[in-house]
C-alpha cells in the first residue's frame, strides 16, 4: 500500500515524519478531507477567516496534493441586490 505524508499548516507547521498507508489516491483525498475538517473543528475562530492547509507527499518526497479549507464569517448578512 502506498505511504503518504500529510504536512499540516494552521498558523503552525506540523511536518509528518511518520506517514499513513492508504490504498489509493481516492482514499488519500478522503483522508486529507477528514484531517482538514478535524483541524477546522478545533481551530480557534477569532477572526473573520480561518484557514487550514495540508500538503501531501508520497514516499519519494514528491508533492502529490495540496488542499486548503477556508471558513469565512461575516458579522452581518450581505445586503440583497435590488
N, C-alpha and C. Protein backbone atom coordinates (compact mmCIF):
# COMPACT_ATOMS: atom_id res chain seq x y z
N UNK A 1 0.83 -1.17 0.00
CA UNK A 1 0.00 0.00 0.00
C UNK A 1 0.88 1.24 0.00
N UNK A 2 0.49 2.27 -0.77
CA UNK A 2 1.29 3.49 -0.82
C UNK A 2 1.34 4.21 0.53
N UNK A 3 2.47 4.85 0.79
CA UNK A 3 2.68 5.62 2.01
C UNK A 3 2.62 7.10 1.66
N UNK A 4 1.83 7.85 2.42
CA UNK A 4 1.67 9.29 2.20
C UNK A 4 2.02 10.03 3.49
N UNK A 5 2.63 11.20 3.33
CA UNK A 5 2.96 12.09 4.44
C UNK A 5 2.11 13.34 4.31
N UNK A 6 1.36 13.65 5.36
CA UNK A 6 0.45 14.80 5.31
C UNK A 6 0.97 15.88 6.25
N UNK A 7 1.56 16.91 5.67
CA UNK A 7 2.05 18.06 6.43
C UNK A 7 0.88 19.02 6.61
N UNK A 8 0.72 19.56 7.82
CA UNK A 8 -0.43 20.41 8.14
C UNK A 8 0.03 21.81 8.54
N UNK A 9 -0.79 22.78 8.16
CA UNK A 9 -0.48 24.18 8.44
C UNK A 9 -1.75 24.90 8.87
N UNK A 10 -1.75 25.47 10.06
CA UNK A 10 -2.88 26.29 10.53
C UNK A 10 -2.35 27.40 11.42
N UNK A 11 -1.31 28.03 10.96
CA UNK A 11 -0.59 29.01 11.75
C UNK A 11 0.67 28.40 12.35
N UNK A 12 0.65 27.10 12.51
CA UNK A 12 1.80 26.33 12.98
C UNK A 12 2.01 25.19 11.98
N UNK A 13 3.23 25.00 11.55
CA UNK A 13 3.53 23.91 10.61
C UNK A 13 3.79 22.62 11.39
N UNK A 14 3.10 21.56 10.99
CA UNK A 14 3.31 20.24 11.57
C UNK A 14 3.75 19.32 10.44
N UNK A 15 5.02 18.96 10.42
CA UNK A 15 5.58 18.13 9.35
C UNK A 15 5.44 16.66 9.75
N UNK A 16 4.81 15.90 8.88
CA UNK A 16 4.56 14.47 9.13
C UNK A 16 5.82 13.68 8.81
N UNK A 17 6.37 13.02 9.81
CA UNK A 17 7.55 12.18 9.56
C UNK A 17 7.24 10.70 9.79
N UNK A 18 5.95 10.39 9.98
CA UNK A 18 5.52 9.00 10.18
C UNK A 18 4.81 8.47 8.94
N UNK A 19 3.87 9.24 8.41
CA UNK A 19 3.12 8.83 7.23
C UNK A 19 1.95 7.94 7.56
N UNK A 20 1.14 7.70 6.55
CA UNK A 20 -0.03 6.84 6.67
C UNK A 20 -0.15 6.02 5.38
N UNK A 21 -0.42 4.73 5.53
CA UNK A 21 -0.61 3.88 4.36
C UNK A 21 -2.07 3.93 3.94
N UNK A 22 -2.29 4.21 2.68
CA UNK A 22 -3.65 4.28 2.13
C UNK A 22 -3.66 3.53 0.80
N UNK A 23 -4.79 2.91 0.48
CA UNK A 23 -4.84 2.05 -0.70
C UNK A 23 -4.66 2.76 -2.04
N UNK A 24 -5.14 4.01 -2.14
CA UNK A 24 -5.07 4.69 -3.44
C UNK A 24 -5.25 6.20 -3.27
N UNK A 25 -5.23 6.92 -4.39
CA UNK A 25 -5.33 8.38 -4.35
C UNK A 25 -6.69 8.84 -3.84
N UNK A 26 -7.76 8.11 -4.14
CA UNK A 26 -9.09 8.48 -3.63
C UNK A 26 -9.12 8.40 -2.11
N UNK A 27 -8.56 7.35 -1.55
CA UNK A 27 -8.51 7.20 -0.09
C UNK A 27 -7.64 8.31 0.52
N UNK A 28 -6.58 8.69 -0.17
CA UNK A 28 -5.71 9.77 0.31
C UNK A 28 -6.49 11.09 0.33
N UNK A 29 -7.25 11.38 -0.70
CA UNK A 29 -8.05 12.61 -0.72
C UNK A 29 -9.10 12.61 0.40
N UNK A 30 -9.75 11.46 0.62
CA UNK A 30 -10.73 11.36 1.71
C UNK A 30 -10.06 11.58 3.06
N UNK A 31 -8.88 11.01 3.23
CA UNK A 31 -8.13 11.16 4.48
C UNK A 31 -7.78 12.63 4.72
N UNK A 32 -7.30 13.31 3.69
CA UNK A 32 -6.93 14.73 3.82
C UNK A 32 -8.16 15.57 4.13
N UNK A 33 -9.28 15.25 3.50
CA UNK A 33 -10.52 15.98 3.79
C UNK A 33 -10.88 15.83 5.27
N UNK A 34 -10.77 14.62 5.80
CA UNK A 34 -11.05 14.39 7.21
C UNK A 34 -10.07 15.14 8.11
N UNK A 35 -8.79 15.13 7.75
CA UNK A 35 -7.77 15.84 8.53
C UNK A 35 -8.09 17.34 8.58
N UNK A 36 -8.41 17.94 7.43
CA UNK A 36 -8.70 19.37 7.40
C UNK A 36 -9.97 19.70 8.17
N UNK A 37 -10.98 18.86 8.06
CA UNK A 37 -12.23 19.08 8.79
C UNK A 37 -11.98 19.03 10.29
N UNK A 38 -11.19 18.05 10.73
CA UNK A 38 -10.84 17.95 12.16
C UNK A 38 -10.04 19.16 12.61
N UNK A 39 -9.08 19.59 11.79
CA UNK A 39 -8.29 20.77 12.13
C UNK A 39 -9.19 21.99 12.30
N UNK A 40 -10.14 22.16 11.40
CA UNK A 40 -11.02 23.33 11.46
C UNK A 40 -11.93 23.25 12.68
N UNK A 41 -12.32 22.05 13.08
CA UNK A 41 -13.23 21.93 14.23
C UNK A 41 -12.55 22.32 15.54
N UNK A 42 -11.24 22.21 15.63
CA UNK A 42 -10.55 22.61 16.85
C UNK A 42 -9.88 23.98 16.72
N UNK A 43 -9.96 24.58 15.54
CA UNK A 43 -9.35 25.89 15.28
C UNK A 43 -10.10 26.96 16.08
N UNK A 44 -9.37 27.83 16.74
CA UNK A 44 -9.97 28.95 17.45
C UNK A 44 -10.31 30.03 16.43
N UNK A 45 -11.57 30.16 16.11
CA UNK A 45 -12.01 31.13 15.10
C UNK A 45 -12.14 32.50 15.76
N UNK A 46 -11.05 33.23 15.78
CA UNK A 46 -11.04 34.53 16.44
C UNK A 46 -11.27 35.68 15.47
N UNK A 47 -11.14 35.45 14.21
CA UNK A 47 -11.33 36.50 13.22
C UNK A 47 -12.43 36.12 12.25
N UNK A 48 -12.47 36.79 11.15
CA UNK A 48 -13.49 36.52 10.16
C UNK A 48 -13.10 35.39 9.22
N UNK A 49 -11.81 35.05 9.17
CA UNK A 49 -11.37 33.99 8.27
C UNK A 49 -10.45 33.02 9.02
N UNK A 50 -10.73 31.74 8.87
CA UNK A 50 -9.86 30.70 9.40
C UNK A 50 -9.44 29.83 8.22
N UNK A 51 -8.17 29.44 8.20
CA UNK A 51 -7.65 28.68 7.07
C UNK A 51 -6.78 27.54 7.59
N UNK A 52 -7.05 26.34 7.08
CA UNK A 52 -6.22 25.17 7.38
C UNK A 52 -5.73 24.61 6.06
N UNK A 53 -4.48 24.20 6.02
CA UNK A 53 -3.90 23.68 4.79
C UNK A 53 -3.20 22.36 5.05
N UNK A 54 -3.13 21.57 4.00
CA UNK A 54 -2.38 20.31 4.06
C UNK A 54 -1.62 20.15 2.75
N UNK A 55 -0.44 19.60 2.86
CA UNK A 55 0.38 19.27 1.70
C UNK A 55 0.77 17.81 1.84
N UNK A 56 0.51 17.03 0.80
CA UNK A 56 0.74 15.58 0.86
C UNK A 56 1.92 15.21 -0.02
N UNK A 57 2.83 14.42 0.59
CA UNK A 57 3.99 13.90 -0.14
C UNK A 57 3.88 12.39 -0.23
N UNK A 58 4.37 11.83 -1.33
CA UNK A 58 4.43 10.37 -1.43
C UNK A 58 5.74 9.89 -0.80
N UNK A 59 5.97 8.59 -0.83
CA UNK A 59 7.15 8.02 -0.17
C UNK A 59 8.47 8.55 -0.73
N UNK A 60 8.46 9.01 -1.99
CA UNK A 60 9.69 9.55 -2.59
C UNK A 60 9.91 11.02 -2.22
N UNK A 61 8.91 11.64 -1.53
CA UNK A 61 9.02 13.04 -1.15
C UNK A 61 8.38 13.99 -2.13
N UNK A 62 7.82 13.46 -3.22
CA UNK A 62 7.18 14.29 -4.25
C UNK A 62 5.82 14.76 -3.75
N UNK A 63 5.53 16.04 -3.91
CA UNK A 63 4.23 16.58 -3.51
C UNK A 63 3.16 16.08 -4.49
N UNK A 64 2.12 15.45 -3.94
CA UNK A 64 1.07 14.87 -4.79
C UNK A 64 -0.28 15.53 -4.60
N UNK A 65 -0.42 16.36 -3.57
CA UNK A 65 -1.70 17.02 -3.34
C UNK A 65 -1.50 18.21 -2.42
N UNK A 66 -2.20 19.28 -2.69
CA UNK A 66 -2.27 20.42 -1.79
C UNK A 66 -3.74 20.72 -1.58
N UNK A 67 -4.14 20.96 -0.34
CA UNK A 67 -5.54 21.21 -0.04
C UNK A 67 -5.65 22.33 0.98
N UNK A 68 -6.70 23.13 0.84
CA UNK A 68 -6.95 24.23 1.76
C UNK A 68 -8.44 24.26 2.10
N UNK A 69 -8.73 24.44 3.37
CA UNK A 69 -10.10 24.61 3.84
C UNK A 69 -10.19 25.99 4.46
N UNK A 70 -11.13 26.81 3.97
CA UNK A 70 -11.27 28.18 4.45
C UNK A 70 -12.68 28.38 4.98
N UNK A 71 -12.77 28.95 6.17
CA UNK A 71 -14.05 29.32 6.76
C UNK A 71 -14.08 30.83 6.86
N UNK A 72 -15.09 31.44 6.23
CA UNK A 72 -15.24 32.88 6.26
C UNK A 72 -16.54 33.22 6.97
N UNK A 73 -16.45 34.10 7.94
CA UNK A 73 -17.65 34.54 8.67
C UNK A 73 -17.79 36.03 8.52
N UNK A 74 -19.02 36.48 8.21
CA UNK A 74 -19.32 37.90 8.08
C UNK A 74 -20.12 38.33 9.30
N UNK A 75 -19.83 39.50 9.83
CA UNK A 75 -20.53 39.95 11.02
C UNK A 75 -22.02 40.17 10.80
N UNK A 76 -22.41 40.45 9.58
CA UNK A 76 -23.83 40.63 9.27
C UNK A 76 -24.07 40.13 7.86
N UNK A 77 -25.30 39.74 7.55
CA UNK A 77 -25.57 39.23 6.20
C UNK A 77 -25.40 40.32 5.15
N UNK A 78 -24.98 39.94 3.95
CA UNK A 78 -24.83 40.94 2.87
C UNK A 78 -26.19 41.49 2.47
N UNK A 79 -26.17 42.72 1.98
CA UNK A 79 -27.40 43.36 1.52
C UNK A 79 -27.88 42.71 0.22
N UNK A 80 -29.17 42.54 0.10
CA UNK A 80 -29.75 41.97 -1.12
C UNK A 80 -29.69 43.01 -2.24
N UNK A 81 -29.46 42.53 -3.45
CA UNK A 81 -29.44 43.42 -4.62
C UNK A 81 -30.87 43.74 -5.03
N UNK A 82 -31.13 45.01 -5.37
CA UNK A 82 -32.50 45.39 -5.79
C UNK A 82 -32.88 44.80 -7.12
